[in-house]
């Protein structure tokens, strides 16, 4: 499902205009981003948990020339789906 299809479906289900849905989703993602950038976690019941993890610096090797590079530490967003999602997807997999 593409973002336009999602916005259209949500606008129908929530009886809102597509612009209102886009504004709501934009605000939702901004709030998640702000919380993660401040070191917090976002846990949405039934959906999952968003958190920021710090990856340590590491050394990488270019396989073509053998040169070693230092990759600096960075913070990456991580999503852990809720157990209910995992159970639902497992049932779908078993039915195929």
Protein backbone atom coordinates (compact mmCIF):
# COMPACT_ATOMS: atom_id res chain seq x y z
CA UNK A 1 0.00 0.00 0.00
CA UNK A 2 1.39 3.35 -1.00
CA UNK A 3 1.01 6.50 1.08
CA UNK A 4 -1.73 7.90 -1.17
CA UNK A 5 -3.74 4.69 -0.81
CA UNK A 6 -3.27 4.75 2.96
CA UNK A 7 -4.41 8.37 3.22
CA UNK A 8 -7.44 7.65 1.03
CA UNK A 9 -8.43 4.60 3.10
CA UNK A 10 -7.97 6.45 6.37
CA UNK A 11 -9.95 9.45 5.16
CA UNK A 12 -12.85 7.15 4.26
CA UNK A 13 -12.70 5.22 7.55
CA UNK A 14 -12.27 8.27 9.78
CA UNK A 15 -14.63 10.55 7.83
CA UNK A 16 -11.88 13.16 7.45
CA UNK A 17 -10.51 14.99 4.44
CA UNK A 18 -7.28 13.65 2.93
CA UNK A 19 -5.51 16.87 3.97
CA UNK A 20 -6.57 16.39 7.59
CA UNK A 21 -5.30 12.80 7.50
CA UNK A 22 -1.96 13.91 6.00
CA UNK A 23 -1.60 16.60 8.68
CA UNK A 24 -2.39 14.06 11.40
CA UNK A 25 0.11 11.53 10.06
CA UNK A 26 2.79 14.20 9.65
CA UNK A 27 2.30 15.31 13.24
CA UNK A 28 2.36 11.68 14.41
CA UNK A 29 5.70 11.01 12.71
CA UNK A 30 7.18 14.30 13.91
CA UNK A 31 6.26 13.44 17.49
CA UNK A 32 7.85 10.00 17.17
CA UNK A 33 10.99 11.54 15.67
CA UNK A 34 11.23 14.18 18.40
CA UNK A 35 10.79 11.58 21.13
CA UNK A 36 13.44 9.29 19.62
CA UNK A 37 15.89 12.14 19.11
CA UNK A 38 15.53 13.03 22.80
CA UNK A 39 16.40 9.46 23.81
CA UNK A 40 12.88 8.26 24.54
CA UNK A 41 10.84 5.30 23.34
CA UNK A 42 7.35 5.28 21.84
CA UNK A 43 5.19 2.28 22.70
CA UNK A 44 1.84 2.03 20.92
CA UNK A 45 -0.35 -0.75 22.26
CA UNK A 46 -1.26 -3.20 19.51
CA UNK A 47 1.24 -1.70 17.05
CA UNK A 48 4.68 -1.96 18.59
CA UNK A 49 7.59 -0.02 20.00
CA UNK A 50 9.82 2.55 18.35
CA UNK A 51 13.21 3.23 19.90
CA UNK A 52 16.56 4.72 18.99
CA UNK A 53 19.62 2.51 19.28
CA UNK A 54 23.20 3.69 19.19
CA UNK A 55 25.47 1.65 16.97
CA UNK A 56 29.11 1.59 17.99
CA UNK A 57 31.88 2.60 15.64
CA UNK A 58 33.25 -0.25 13.59
CA UNK A 59 35.82 -1.07 10.98
CA UNK A 60 34.70 -2.05 7.49
CA UNK A 61 36.82 -3.53 4.72
CA UNK A 62 36.31 -2.72 1.04
CA UNK A 63 36.41 -6.14 -0.65
CA UNK A 64 37.70 -4.82 -3.99
CA UNK A 65 40.83 -3.08 -2.73
CA UNK A 66 41.18 -4.39 0.82
CA UNK A 67 41.23 -0.91 2.40
CA UNK A 68 39.91 -0.59 5.93
CA UNK A 69 37.54 2.23 6.86
CA UNK A 70 36.37 3.46 10.24
CA UNK A 71 32.60 3.86 10.31
CA UNK A 72 31.63 6.37 13.02
CA UNK A 73 28.96 5.63 15.64
CA UNK A 74 25.41 6.53 14.72
CA UNK A 75 21.90 6.45 16.10
CA UNK A 76 19.33 4.45 14.14
CA UNK A 77 15.58 4.03 14.64
CA UNK A 78 14.36 0.53 15.49
CA UNK A 79 10.81 -0.82 15.33
CA UNK A 80 9.71 -3.88 17.29
CA UNK A 81 6.26 -5.12 16.27
CA UNK A 82 3.70 -6.01 18.91
CA UNK A 83 3.12 -9.67 19.74
CA UNK A 84 -0.37 -9.47 18.24
CA UNK A 85 1.16 -8.58 14.83
CA UNK A 86 3.54 -11.52 15.03
CA UNK A 87 0.70 -13.92 15.91
CA UNK A 88 -1.46 -12.56 13.09
CA UNK A 89 1.32 -12.92 10.50
CA UNK A 90 2.13 -16.43 11.74
CA UNK A 91 -1.50 -17.46 11.23
CA UNK A 92 -1.41 -16.05 7.68
CA UNK A 93 1.77 -17.99 6.97
CA UNK A 94 0.28 -21.25 8.26
CA UNK A 95 -2.86 -20.87 6.11
CA UNK A 96 -0.92 -20.65 2.85
